Amino acid sequence: MAKVLANKLPLNALRAFESSARHLSFTRAGLELSVTQAAVSQQVRMLEDQLGIQLFKRLPRGLDLTEEGLALFPVLTEAFGRISGVLQQFEDGHFHEVLTVAAVGTFAVGWLMPRLALFREAHPFIDLRLSTHNNLVNLAADGTDIAIRFGDGQWPATHNIKLFDAPMTVLCPPDIARQLQTPADLKYHKLMRTFRKDEWEQWLQAAKVEPWRICGPIFDSSRLMVESAVQCGGVALAPAVMFERELQAGVLIRPFSEEVDAGSYWLTYLKSRPRTTALKAFESWIEQQCAMAIAPYIYV
């Protein structure tokens, strides 16, 4: 019975009710729908008669929803919103898929954003929505399609595809680089850190220098840390591949060749969620981009 009734409900009447419930006014609903106040009132009355319930309390100075109206209103608002959202994805005879990507901030700014124009050119009908995170992301709760993370790839709920390694190396502005003859000279400069507590100790050991207690400021993003080193004077330990433009421009210098492996960048998506056409396209595109050779950096 309910299924038969739902199939017979007129769309115009449902739209008239939803707009009237949002504005609590037949007049404002009529203006929104480009019909008269009387036409909206008639459509709502017809809907009430068909359902056998009262959706509005007609008050001297406006409308108020009944309990039945309060139950129906959010359902219709969500339904019309979803319909509108899908229809907006059609343009010039093409369906535009939406793909939400959440990337570690350093990767987003240092590697992905300079290449997004290439993705748009290759896939003009995929609308990419990019956000950043500090390596903490919940794909299921956030409704995100893809996350790009830094680490060892051991995340059991997701498919994890390794993009490339990102070893840490010393980066600093030119004026500080000129003062660094050997790794031991770092002891006389402000060394900046991230949440990975032992990375400086690992790098110093790789450089065959006895580690000392590091007391520099701590940042939750390599991008912020390196930016602070440039603006405030300091030395950062960060993946050189994420700062290609700054190195080529001479804003940053890589004074030593030693590196330490702290993790890799990974493309991840939920195992429980089907792979859409847009997801497959982005996965294929980013793997191709990552496969391209990265030019070596010149040391001072």
Protein backbone atom coordinates (compact mmCIF):
# COMPACT_ATOMS: atom_id res chain seq x y z
CA MET A 1 0.00 0.00 0.00
CA ALA A 2 2.78 2.45 0.97
CA LYS A 3 4.72 1.58 -2.19
CA VAL A 4 1.69 2.21 -4.39
CA LEU A 5 1.04 5.52 -2.62
CA ALA A 6 4.66 6.66 -3.04
CA ASN A 7 4.57 5.90 -6.75
CA LYS A 8 1.50 8.13 -7.17
CA LEU A 9 2.70 11.16 -5.20
CA PRO A 10 3.05 14.17 -7.55
CA LEU A 11 6.59 15.60 -7.69
CA ASN A 12 5.35 19.20 -7.92
CA ALA A 13 3.37 18.79 -4.70
CA LEU A 14 6.39 17.33 -2.90
CA ARG A 15 8.53 20.22 -4.10
CA ALA A 16 5.86 22.73 -3.02
CA PHE A 17 5.76 21.22 0.46
CA GLU A 18 9.57 21.09 0.82
CA SER A 19 9.97 24.74 -0.19
CA SER A 20 7.08 25.86 2.03
CA ALA A 21 8.50 23.93 4.99
CA ARG A 22 11.91 25.53 4.49
CA HIS A 23 10.48 29.06 4.36
CA LEU A 24 7.41 28.41 6.54
CA SER A 25 5.59 30.52 3.98
CA PHE A 26 3.54 29.72 0.88
CA THR A 27 4.35 33.17 -0.49
CA ARG A 28 8.13 32.78 -0.29
CA ALA A 29 7.85 29.24 -1.64
CA GLY A 30 5.91 30.59 -4.60
CA LEU A 31 8.63 33.16 -5.30
CA GLU A 32 11.28 30.42 -5.20
CA LEU A 33 9.30 28.10 -7.49
CA SER A 34 8.08 30.92 -9.79
CA VAL A 35 4.39 30.19 -9.17
CA THR A 36 1.68 31.97 -7.24
CA GLN A 37 1.07 31.64 -3.52
CA ALA A 38 -2.31 30.11 -4.32
CA ALA A 39 -0.73 27.46 -6.56
CA VAL A 40 1.68 26.41 -3.81
CA SER A 41 -1.11 26.26 -1.24
CA GLN A 42 -3.21 24.15 -3.61
CA GLN A 43 -0.34 21.72 -4.25
CA VAL A 44 0.29 21.27 -0.53
CA ARG A 45 -3.41 20.77 0.17
CA MET A 46 -3.57 18.14 -2.57
CA LEU A 47 -0.58 16.34 -1.02
CA GLU A 48 -2.21 16.42 2.42
CA ASP A 49 -5.45 15.02 0.99
CA GLN A 50 -3.62 12.23 -0.79
CA LEU A 51 -1.64 11.28 2.32
CA GLY A 52 -4.62 11.71 4.61
CA ILE A 53 -2.62 13.82 7.08
CA GLN A 54 -2.06 17.47 7.90
CA LEU A 55 1.48 18.68 7.18
CA PHE A 56 1.13 22.31 8.28
CA LYS A 57 -0.63 24.21 11.01
CA ARG A 58 -2.10 27.28 9.31
CA LEU A 59 -1.50 30.13 11.75
CA PRO A 60 -2.68 33.77 11.52
CA ARG A 61 0.88 34.95 10.77
CA GLY A 62 2.40 32.04 8.92
CA LEU A 63 2.90 28.30 8.97
CA ASP A 64 4.19 25.74 11.41
CA LEU A 65 4.98 22.10 10.73
CA THR A 66 2.97 19.33 12.31
CA GLU A 67 4.72 16.22 13.64
CA GLU A 68 3.98 14.52 10.31
CA GLY A 69 5.42 17.48 8.42
CA LEU A 70 8.54 17.45 10.60
CA ALA A 71 9.03 13.76 9.73
CA LEU A 72 8.64 14.27 5.98
CA PHE A 73 10.57 17.53 5.57
CA PRO A 74 14.19 16.34 6.14
CA VAL A 75 13.66 13.28 3.95
CA LEU A 76 12.53 15.40 1.02
CA THR A 77 15.29 17.99 1.58
CA GLU A 78 17.93 15.27 1.42
CA ALA A 79 16.35 13.62 -1.61
CA PHE A 80 16.03 16.85 -3.61
CA GLY A 81 19.57 17.81 -2.61
CA ARG A 82 20.94 14.51 -3.89
CA ILE A 83 19.02 14.83 -7.15
CA SER A 84 20.31 18.37 -7.61
CA GLY A 85 23.86 17.29 -6.85
CA VAL A 86 23.78 14.55 -9.48
CA LEU A 87 22.18 16.78 -12.12
CA GLN A 88 24.91 19.39 -11.55
CA GLN A 89 27.45 16.74 -12.55
CA PHE A 90 26.07 16.73 -16.10
CA GLU A 91 27.56 19.36 -18.37
CA ASP A 92 27.72 19.56 -22.18
CA GLY A 93 26.43 16.02 -22.47
CA HIS A 94 29.06 14.58 -20.11
CA PHE A 95 28.84 13.19 -16.60
CA HIS A 96 31.32 14.81 -14.23
CA GLU A 97 32.47 12.42 -11.51
CA VAL A 98 33.55 13.88 -8.18
CA LEU A 99 36.72 12.47 -6.59
CA THR A 100 37.75 13.54 -3.09
CA VAL A 101 41.47 13.24 -2.33
CA ALA A 102 43.01 13.94 1.08
CA ALA A 103 46.79 14.29 0.97
CA VAL A 104 49.52 14.93 3.49
CA GLY A 105 50.07 18.70 3.34
CA THR A 106 53.74 18.47 2.34
CA PHE A 107 52.89 16.12 -0.54
CA ALA A 108 49.90 18.21 -1.64
CA VAL A 109 51.89 21.46 -1.91
CA GLY A 110 55.29 20.11 -2.89
CA TRP A 111 54.37 17.42 -5.39
CA LEU A 112 50.68 17.11 -6.27
CA MET A 113 49.55 20.69 -6.85
CA PRO A 114 52.19 21.48 -9.52
CA ARG A 115 50.87 18.48 -11.49
CA LEU A 116 47.11 18.92 -11.07
CA ALA A 117 46.81 20.79 -14.37
CA LEU A 118 48.10 17.66 -16.09
CA PHE A 119 45.41 15.57 -14.42
CA ARG A 120 42.71 18.05 -15.39
CA GLU A 121 43.94 18.00 -18.98
CA ALA A 122 43.92 14.20 -19.09
CA HIS A 123 40.57 13.83 -17.29
CA PRO A 124 38.44 16.95 -17.85
CA PHE A 125 35.24 15.28 -16.60
CA ILE A 126 36.57 14.38 -13.15
CA ASP A 127 36.04 17.12 -10.58
CA LEU A 128 38.86 16.70 -8.06
CA ARG A 129 38.31 17.95 -4.51
CA LEU A 130 41.58 18.18 -2.60
CA SER A 131 42.04 18.55 1.14
CA THR A 132 45.07 18.15 3.40
CA HIS A 133 45.75 16.28 6.61
CA ASN A 134 48.68 15.69 8.96
CA ASN A 135 48.92 11.97 8.28
CA LEU A 136 45.81 11.28 10.38
CA VAL A 137 42.80 10.47 8.20
CA ASN A 138 39.63 8.38 8.56
CA LEU A 139 38.43 7.47 5.07
CA ALA A 140 35.21 5.86 6.29
CA ALA A 141 34.14 8.75 8.52
CA ASP A 142 35.29 11.56 6.24
CA GLY A 143 33.73 10.19 3.06
CA THR A 144 37.07 10.58 1.30
CA ASP A 145 37.76 8.46 -1.79
CA ILE A 146 41.56 8.48 -1.66
CA ALA A 147 44.13 9.40 0.97
CA ILE A 148 47.82 9.96 0.31
CA ARG A 149 49.80 9.17 3.44
CA PHE A 150 53.38 8.94 4.64
CA GLY A 151 54.65 5.87 6.46
CA ASP A 152 55.31 2.17 6.07
CA GLY A 153 52.06 1.23 4.30
CA GLN A 154 50.81 -0.98 7.13
CA TRP A 155 47.17 0.10 7.25
CA PRO A 156 44.96 -3.03 7.26
CA ALA A 157 41.61 -1.49 6.27
CA THR A 158 42.89 0.01 3.02
CA HIS A 159 44.52 -0.95 -0.26
CA ASN A 160 47.98 0.65 -0.03
CA ILE A 161 49.93 1.43 -3.20
CA LYS A 162 53.47 2.70 -2.79
CA LEU A 163 54.14 5.85 -4.79
CA PHE A 164 57.80 6.51 -4.00
CA ASP A 165 60.34 6.66 -1.20
CA ALA A 166 61.02 10.03 0.42
CA PRO A 167 64.29 9.84 2.34
CA MET A 168 65.06 12.70 4.72
CA THR A 169 68.02 14.97 4.15
CA VAL A 170 69.32 18.28 5.48
CA LEU A 171 67.75 21.41 3.94
CA CYS A 172 68.54 25.00 4.86
CA PRO A 173 68.73 28.53 3.40
CA PRO A 174 71.91 29.53 1.50
CA ASP A 175 73.39 31.73 4.25
CA ILE A 176 73.38 28.82 6.68
CA ALA A 177 74.60 26.36 4.07
CA ARG A 178 77.74 28.45 3.58
CA GLN A 179 78.58 27.91 7.26
CA LEU A 180 78.31 24.13 7.08
CA GLN A 181 81.58 22.51 6.11
CA THR A 182 80.92 19.15 7.80
CA PRO A 183 77.85 17.55 9.41
CA ALA A 184 79.36 18.25 12.83
CA ASP A 185 78.88 21.99 12.17
CA LEU A 186 75.13 21.47 12.58
CA LYS A 187 75.67 21.52 16.33
CA TYR A 188 75.96 25.31 16.19
CA HIS A 189 72.64 25.87 14.41
CA LYS A 190 68.95 25.59 15.23
CA LEU A 191 67.77 22.14 14.15
CA MET A 192 64.04 21.87 13.52
CA ARG A 193 62.04 18.74 14.17
CA THR A 194 58.78 16.96 13.34
CA PHE A 195 56.80 14.49 15.46
CA ARG A 196 59.24 11.72 14.40
CA LYS A 197 61.49 12.05 17.44
CA ASP A 198 64.57 10.08 16.42
CA GLU A 199 65.03 11.21 12.80
CA TRP A 200 67.86 13.64 13.55
CA GLU A 201 69.66 10.98 15.59
CA GLN A 202 69.33 8.55 12.66
CA TRP A 203 70.65 11.11 10.19
CA LEU A 204 73.64 12.05 12.37
CA GLN A 205 74.53 8.40 12.75
CA ALA A 206 74.31 7.97 8.96
CA ALA A 207 76.65 10.96 8.64
CA LYS A 208 79.04 9.30 11.13
CA VAL A 209 78.61 12.03 13.72
CA GLU A 210 78.01 11.35 17.41
CA PRO A 211 74.39 12.45 18.08
CA TRP A 212 73.64 15.15 20.62
CA ARG A 213 70.43 16.29 22.30
CA ILE A 214 68.30 18.20 19.80
CA CYS A 215 66.16 20.98 21.31
CA GLY A 216 64.81 22.79 18.26
CA PRO A 217 61.14 23.67 17.65
CA ILE A 218 58.69 20.91 16.68
CA PHE A 219 56.30 21.12 13.69
CA ASP A 220 53.45 18.84 12.63
CA SER A 221 54.26 19.36 8.93
CA SER A 222 57.53 19.21 6.99
CA ARG A 223 56.21 22.02 4.79
CA LEU A 224 55.76 24.34 7.79
CA MET A 225 59.11 23.31 9.21
CA VAL A 226 61.04 24.08 6.03
CA GLU A 227 59.16 27.36 5.54
CA SER A 228 60.16 28.36 9.07
CA ALA A 229 63.78 27.45 8.34
CA VAL A 230 63.75 29.74 5.29
CA GLN A 231 62.03 32.67 6.98
CA CYS A 232 63.48 32.46 10.49
CA GLY A 233 66.84 30.83 9.89
CA GLY A 234 67.29 27.20 10.76
CA VAL A 235 68.03 23.72 9.48
CA ALA A 236 65.35 21.17 8.61
CA LEU A 237 65.41 17.45 7.99
CA ALA A 238 62.87 16.80 5.25
CA PRO A 239 62.32 14.88 1.98
CA ALA A 240 64.17 16.78 -0.77
CA VAL A 241 61.75 15.46 -3.41
CA MET A 242 58.99 17.58 -1.85
CA PHE A 243 60.98 20.80 -2.27
CA GLU A 244 62.08 20.53 -5.87
CA ARG A 245 61.06 24.07 -6.80
CA GLU A 246 62.78 25.69 -3.82
CA LEU A 247 65.99 23.75 -4.48
CA GLN A 248 66.01 24.67 -8.16
CA ALA A 249 65.36 28.33 -7.31
CA GLY A 250 68.20 28.37 -4.77
CA VAL A 251 65.89 29.29 -1.89
CA LEU A 252 66.92 26.03 -0.24
CA ILE A 253 70.26 24.26 -0.29
CA ARG A 254 70.99 20.61 0.35
CA PRO A 255 74.49 20.81 1.85
CA PHE A 256 75.13 17.11 2.46
CA SER A 257 74.41 13.93 0.50
CA GLU A 258 73.52 11.76 3.51
CA GLU A 259 69.91 10.55 3.71
CA VAL A 260 67.86 8.56 6.19
CA ASP A 261 64.84 6.43 5.29
CA ALA A 262 61.84 7.47 7.40
CA GLY A 263 59.04 6.16 5.16
CA SER A 264 57.34 6.43 1.79
CA TYR A 265 54.31 8.10 0.26
CA TRP A 266 51.34 5.80 -0.34
CA LEU A 267 48.04 6.05 -2.17
CA THR A 268 45.34 4.40 -0.05
CA TYR A 269 41.63 3.69 -0.40
CA LEU A 270 39.17 1.55 1.53
CA LYS A 271 38.93 -2.14 0.73
CA SER A 272 35.23 -2.00 1.57
CA ARG A 273 34.41 0.67 -1.01
CA PRO A 274 34.08 -0.10 -4.75
CA ARG A 275 36.65 1.46 -7.10
CA THR A 276 34.89 4.05 -9.23
CA THR A 277 35.97 5.06 -12.71
CA ALA A 278 37.36 8.30 -11.30
CA LEU A 279 39.36 6.48 -8.63
CA LYS A 280 40.86 4.11 -11.20
CA ALA A 281 41.77 7.05 -13.44
CA PHE A 282 43.50 8.95 -10.63
CA GLU A 283 45.35 5.84 -9.46
CA SER A 284 46.65 5.15 -12.97
CA TRP A 285 47.59 8.79 -13.56
CA ILE A 286 49.50 9.28 -10.30
CA GLU A 287 51.39 6.02 -10.75
CA GLN A 288 52.51 7.19 -14.19
CA GLN A 289 53.60 10.53 -12.79
CA CYS A 290 55.54 8.88 -9.96
CA ALA A 291 57.29 6.56 -12.41
CA MET A 292 58.92 9.52 -14.15
CA ALA A 293 62.55 10.09 -13.25
CA ILE A 294 63.27 12.79 -10.70
CA ALA A 295 66.27 14.98 -11.55
CA PRO A 296 69.13 14.67 -9.04
CA TYR A 297 69.84 17.63 -6.80
CA ILE A 298 73.14 19.49 -6.81
CA TYR A 299 74.96 19.90 -3.53
CA VAL A 300 76.91 23.02 -2.56
